[in-house]
Amino acid sequence: MCIGSSPNRSKRTIQMNTFFSKTRTFTAIAALITAGGLATAPSAETQRSSVKLLTANFETRHVVQVEAGDFHFAPGQVAPVHTHSAPAVGYVAKGSIIYQVEGEKPRVLNEGDAFFEPVGPRILRFDNASATEEAIFIDFNLEQEGEPFIVFEQTPTEAIDRRTLPTFDLSDTDINQVDIHEDNIPAADAIVVETDVATVGIVAEGVVVIETPGVETRRIVAGQSFALPESVSGTKIRNASGEVSAKVISFRLIPSKNAIN
C-alpha cells in the first residue's frame, strides 16, 4: 500500500465545495494557537502517554484516497441532515458537538473526543453544542473511487466554514478498520511509531518533527495534518519544543486481513 499527498483536488470535490465558504489550503486549527482557542499548553512536566480513543469498524472497502477537512462551527451552528458515502473518522479540537445518527440517541462529543460517522444512516445532528463558543473538528474520509465526502438531503442555507487539508492518495488498499490514538509527547521527548500500517494524523498541540528512514524530515505544527506510509516502524515523532508538550492524534488504517474487531 502506498500513501502520498494529492496536489490537486478533483472536479467532484470542487463541486461539493459549492456549499462551503472559502477554503484555506494549508491552515486548520493553527489560528487557534495565536488566538488562544486551544486549551493552555501543558507544562514540561507532562508525562508521555498513549491511549486508543476509538476503533471504527466498517465493511471492507478499496480506499483510494483520504480526504480531510477542518470545520469551524459558529456558536449555535446546526449542521444540515446528511449522509456519508465513505466512512468518516475525526477528532473534536475545540468545544463540544451534539452528534446523532438516525435510530440512536443524541450524545455529546467534547474537546479531545474522537468520532466515527458510518456509511448509510442519516446523520441527524452534528451541531455546535454551545450558544456562545466556537466548535472545531477535523475529519478524514476514506473514499473509494468517485465517492463524495458528504451528501446533503437539501441544499444548505447557511455557509459552512470548511478549511481543506491535503488529500492523501492510497493504492492497493482494502480497509475495514481505523484505530484512533492520542499520543502526548513531553518537551524535548520523542515517540517511535511501532506499526506497519498506513497512518494519517494531525498535530493537536505543539510542534513535532517527523523522522522516517529514507524520507525527508518534516516539521508539523498544531493544526496541520500528516501521512505515514505503511512499513513505517522506526519512524520517530519528536517534540520540537524543549518547554511545552505536544499532542498527536493518529488514525491507523487497518487492512482487512489484519483487522481485529
Protein backbone atom coordinates (compact mmCIF):
# COMPACT_ATOMS: atom_id res chain seq x y z
CA MET A 1 0.00 0.00 0.00
CA CYS A 2 1.36 3.41 -0.92
CA ILE A 3 0.30 6.72 0.51
CA GLY A 4 1.01 10.21 -0.75
CA SER A 5 -0.34 13.73 -0.89
CA SER A 6 -2.53 14.65 -3.83
CA PRO A 7 -1.53 18.10 -5.16
CA ASN A 8 -4.79 18.72 -6.98
CA ARG A 9 -8.35 18.35 -5.85
CA SER A 10 -10.74 16.53 -8.15
CA LYS A 11 -13.54 18.22 -10.05
CA ARG A 12 -16.10 16.40 -7.94
CA THR A 13 -14.57 17.76 -4.74
CA ILE A 14 -14.66 21.30 -6.10
CA GLN A 15 -18.33 20.83 -6.96
CA MET A 16 -19.06 19.59 -3.44
CA ASN A 17 -17.45 22.70 -2.01
CA THR A 18 -20.03 24.91 -3.74
CA PHE A 19 -21.91 24.92 -0.44
CA PHE A 20 -18.90 25.70 1.72
CA SER A 21 -17.34 29.04 2.49
CA LYS A 22 -13.95 29.97 1.05
CA THR A 23 -11.39 27.26 1.78
CA ARG A 24 -7.86 27.61 3.06
CA THR A 25 -5.47 25.06 1.66
CA PHE A 26 -2.98 24.56 4.43
CA THR A 27 -4.43 26.05 7.60
CA ALA A 28 -6.52 24.05 10.01
CA ILE A 29 -6.62 24.91 13.67
CA ALA A 30 -3.30 26.75 13.73
CA ALA A 31 -5.09 30.08 14.08
CA LEU A 32 -6.26 28.92 17.47
CA ILE A 33 -2.73 28.93 18.76
CA THR A 34 -2.38 32.70 18.41
CA ALA A 35 -5.99 33.29 19.38
CA GLY A 36 -5.69 31.18 22.49
CA GLY A 37 -8.53 28.96 21.35
CA LEU A 38 -6.93 25.66 22.29
CA ALA A 39 -6.51 24.58 25.87
CA THR A 40 -3.49 26.06 27.63
CA ALA A 41 -0.34 24.23 26.57
CA PRO A 42 0.61 21.52 29.06
CA SER A 43 3.67 22.12 31.21
CA ALA A 44 7.00 20.43 30.67
CA GLU A 45 6.12 18.03 33.49
CA THR A 46 3.53 16.29 31.30
CA GLN A 47 4.19 12.55 31.21
CA ARG A 48 4.46 10.63 27.97
CA SER A 49 1.20 8.78 27.34
CA SER A 50 -0.55 6.89 24.57
CA VAL A 51 -4.21 5.93 24.56
CA LYS A 52 -6.58 4.47 21.99
CA LEU A 53 -9.54 6.83 21.68
CA LEU A 54 -11.71 4.77 19.33
CA THR A 55 -11.85 1.82 16.95
CA ALA A 56 -14.09 2.25 13.91
CA ASN A 57 -15.21 -0.88 12.05
CA PHE A 58 -16.97 -0.96 8.68
CA GLU A 59 -17.41 -3.17 5.61
CA THR A 60 -14.21 -3.77 3.68
CA ARG A 61 -13.66 -1.08 1.05
CA HIS A 62 -10.99 -0.33 -1.53
CA VAL A 63 -9.86 3.10 -0.37
CA VAL A 64 -8.06 5.22 -2.98
CA GLN A 65 -7.77 8.46 -1.04
CA VAL A 66 -8.23 10.02 2.38
CA GLU A 67 -9.85 13.45 2.10
CA ALA A 68 -9.56 15.69 5.15
CA GLY A 69 -11.41 18.80 6.28
CA ASP A 70 -11.19 21.22 9.19
CA PHE A 71 -14.63 22.51 10.21
CA HIS A 72 -15.22 25.68 12.23
CA PHE A 73 -18.78 25.97 13.55
CA ALA A 74 -20.01 29.30 14.88
CA PRO A 75 -21.82 29.40 18.24
CA GLY A 76 -25.14 27.59 17.93
CA GLN A 77 -24.49 26.49 14.34
CA VAL A 78 -26.50 23.46 13.21
CA ALA A 79 -25.28 21.00 10.58
CA PRO A 80 -27.66 20.05 7.75
CA VAL A 81 -29.00 16.49 7.76
CA HIS A 82 -26.61 14.46 5.64
CA THR A 83 -25.23 11.02 4.81
CA HIS A 84 -21.79 9.67 4.04
CA SER A 85 -20.86 7.51 1.06
CA ALA A 86 -17.45 6.97 2.66
CA PRO A 87 -16.85 6.36 6.37
CA ALA A 88 -15.58 9.42 8.20
CA VAL A 89 -13.43 9.44 11.33
CA GLY A 90 -12.39 12.53 13.20
CA TYR A 91 -11.45 14.48 16.29
CA VAL A 92 -13.00 17.39 18.19
CA ALA A 93 -10.29 20.03 18.56
CA LYS A 94 -12.30 22.68 20.37
CA GLY A 95 -15.68 22.97 22.06
CA SER A 96 -18.47 20.38 22.02
CA ILE A 97 -20.65 18.78 19.35
CA ILE A 98 -24.12 17.23 19.63
CA TYR A 99 -23.95 14.11 17.45
CA GLN A 100 -26.89 11.90 16.46
CA VAL A 101 -27.12 9.06 13.98
CA GLU A 102 -30.64 8.12 12.84
CA GLY A 103 -32.04 5.42 15.14
CA GLU A 104 -29.72 6.35 18.00
CA LYS A 105 -29.94 8.82 20.87
CA PRO A 106 -28.01 12.09 20.61
CA ARG A 107 -24.75 12.30 22.50
CA VAL A 108 -22.18 14.98 23.23
CA LEU A 109 -18.67 14.88 21.80
CA ASN A 110 -16.34 17.00 23.90
CA GLU A 111 -12.97 18.53 23.09
CA GLY A 112 -10.48 15.69 22.80
CA ASP A 113 -13.06 13.08 21.73
CA ALA A 114 -12.80 11.01 18.56
CA PHE A 115 -15.82 10.11 16.42
CA PHE A 116 -16.98 7.84 13.60
CA GLU A 117 -19.69 8.63 11.03
CA PRO A 118 -20.78 5.43 9.25
CA VAL A 119 -21.84 4.91 5.65
CA GLY A 120 -25.58 4.88 5.03
CA PRO A 121 -27.51 6.12 8.09
CA ARG A 122 -28.67 9.72 8.10
CA ILE A 123 -26.66 11.98 10.37
CA LEU A 124 -29.45 13.94 12.02
CA ARG A 125 -27.25 16.18 14.14
CA PHE A 126 -23.66 17.31 14.19
CA ASP A 127 -24.24 20.66 15.84
CA ASN A 128 -22.25 23.08 17.94
CA ALA A 129 -23.46 22.39 21.49
CA SER A 130 -22.59 25.90 22.67
CA ALA A 131 -24.55 29.08 22.05
CA THR A 132 -21.53 31.23 22.88
CA GLU A 133 -18.36 29.38 21.82
CA GLU A 134 -16.94 28.17 18.50
CA ALA A 135 -16.56 24.42 17.87
CA ILE A 136 -13.83 22.93 15.69
CA PHE A 137 -13.46 19.38 14.43
CA ILE A 138 -11.32 17.62 11.85
CA ASP A 139 -12.46 14.64 9.81
CA PHE A 140 -10.82 12.14 7.47
CA ASN A 141 -13.00 10.49 4.79
CA LEU A 142 -11.96 7.06 3.48
CA GLU A 143 -13.08 7.27 -0.11
CA GLN A 144 -13.35 4.75 -2.90
CA GLU A 145 -13.05 5.97 -6.48
CA GLY A 146 -15.56 8.72 -7.26
CA GLU A 147 -17.12 9.00 -3.79
CA PRO A 148 -18.02 12.43 -2.38
CA PHE A 149 -17.09 13.20 1.21
CA ILE A 150 -20.65 14.23 2.12
CA VAL A 151 -24.18 14.16 0.66
CA PHE A 152 -26.78 16.70 1.75
CA GLU A 153 -30.51 15.93 1.62
CA GLN A 154 -31.20 19.56 0.79
CA THR A 155 -29.02 22.42 -0.33
CA PRO A 156 -27.59 24.06 2.81
CA THR A 157 -28.94 27.52 3.53
CA GLU A 158 -26.07 28.50 5.84
CA ALA A 159 -22.42 28.66 4.82
CA ILE A 160 -20.18 26.00 6.35
CA ASP A 161 -16.63 27.03 7.17
CA ARG A 162 -14.64 24.03 5.95
CA ARG A 163 -10.92 24.54 5.50
CA THR A 164 -9.29 21.94 3.32
CA LEU A 165 -6.33 19.87 4.40
CA PRO A 166 -4.17 17.84 1.99
CA THR A 167 -5.80 14.80 0.41
CA PHE A 168 -3.66 11.68 0.71
CA ASP A 169 -3.70 9.09 -2.08
CA LEU A 170 -3.67 5.35 -1.37
CA SER A 171 -3.23 2.35 -3.65
CA ASP A 172 -3.94 -1.37 -3.33
CA THR A 173 -5.71 -0.74 -0.06
CA ASP A 174 -8.61 -2.78 1.30
CA ILE A 175 -9.52 -1.38 4.71
CA ASN A 176 -12.24 -2.23 7.23
CA GLN A 177 -10.96 -0.69 10.44
CA VAL A 178 -9.41 2.53 11.75
CA ASP A 179 -7.75 2.78 15.15
CA ILE A 180 -7.55 6.31 16.55
CA HIS A 181 -4.76 7.05 19.03
CA GLU A 182 -3.75 10.05 21.12
CA ASP A 183 -0.08 10.48 21.99
CA ASN A 184 1.18 13.10 24.43
CA ILE A 185 4.89 13.84 24.00
CA PRO A 186 6.70 15.73 26.79
CA ALA A 187 9.04 18.61 25.98
CA ALA A 188 12.24 17.51 24.20
CA ASP A 189 10.99 13.90 24.13
CA ALA A 190 10.04 11.60 21.25
CA ILE A 191 7.98 8.54 20.45
CA VAL A 192 8.78 5.76 17.99
CA VAL A 193 5.99 4.56 15.69
CA GLU A 194 5.59 0.80 16.15
CA THR A 195 3.15 -0.02 13.36
CA ASP A 196 3.37 -1.29 9.80
CA VAL A 197 0.08 0.16 8.52
CA ALA A 198 -0.53 3.43 6.68
CA THR A 199 -1.42 6.24 9.05
CA VAL A 200 -2.83 9.75 8.76
CA GLY A 201 -2.99 12.23 11.59
CA ILE A 202 -2.98 15.75 12.94
CA VAL A 203 -0.90 17.63 15.45
CA ALA A 204 -3.39 18.86 18.05
CA GLU A 205 -0.92 20.78 20.22
CA GLY A 206 2.63 21.99 19.84
CA VAL A 207 5.16 21.34 17.07
CA VAL A 208 6.69 18.00 16.11
CA VAL A 209 9.39 16.77 13.77
CA ILE A 210 8.71 13.51 11.93
CA GLU A 211 11.78 11.46 11.05
CA THR A 212 11.21 8.44 8.79
CA PRO A 213 14.17 6.44 7.46
CA GLY A 214 14.71 7.28 3.80
CA VAL A 215 12.19 10.16 3.85
CA GLU A 216 12.82 13.88 4.18
CA THR A 217 12.33 15.12 7.75
CA ARG A 218 9.11 17.08 8.23
CA ARG A 219 8.19 19.78 10.73
CA ILE A 220 4.45 19.78 11.54
CA VAL A 221 2.77 22.49 13.62
CA ALA A 222 -0.51 22.37 15.51
CA GLY A 223 -3.43 22.20 13.11
CA GLN A 224 -1.51 20.56 10.27
CA SER A 225 -2.10 17.01 9.06
CA PHE A 226 0.41 14.38 8.01
CA ALA A 227 0.59 10.91 6.49
CA LEU A 228 2.91 7.98 7.15
CA PRO A 229 3.23 5.14 4.62
CA GLU A 230 2.97 1.52 5.64
CA SER A 231 6.08 -0.20 6.97
CA VAL A 232 6.96 2.91 8.97
CA SER A 233 8.15 1.07 12.06
CA GLY A 234 11.09 3.06 13.32
CA THR A 235 9.60 6.44 12.40
CA LYS A 236 10.30 8.91 15.19
CA ILE A 237 7.92 11.73 16.12
CA ARG A 238 9.92 14.23 18.14
CA ASN A 239 8.63 17.18 20.14
CA ALA A 240 10.38 20.22 18.66
CA SER A 241 9.98 22.23 21.86
CA GLY A 242 12.10 22.00 24.96
CA GLU A 243 9.47 23.80 27.03
CA VAL A 244 5.96 22.53 26.31
CA SER A 245 4.43 19.17 25.43
CA ALA A 246 2.93 18.17 22.09
CA LYS A 247 -0.16 16.13 21.28
CA VAL A 248 -0.57 13.98 18.17
CA ILE A 249 -3.78 12.27 17.00
CA SER A 250 -3.17 9.37 14.61
CA PHE A 251 -5.63 7.38 12.51
CA ARG A 252 -4.21 3.95 11.68
CA LEU A 253 -5.74 2.42 8.54
CA ILE A 254 -6.00 -1.28 9.23
CA PRO A 255 -6.04 -3.59 6.16
CA SER A 256 -8.91 -6.06 6.21
CA LYS A 257 -6.55 -9.03 6.54
CA ASN A 258 -5.09 -7.53 9.73
CA ALA A 259 -8.21 -6.09 11.36
CA ILE A 260 -9.20 -7.31 14.81
CA ASN A 261 -12.74 -6.48 15.86
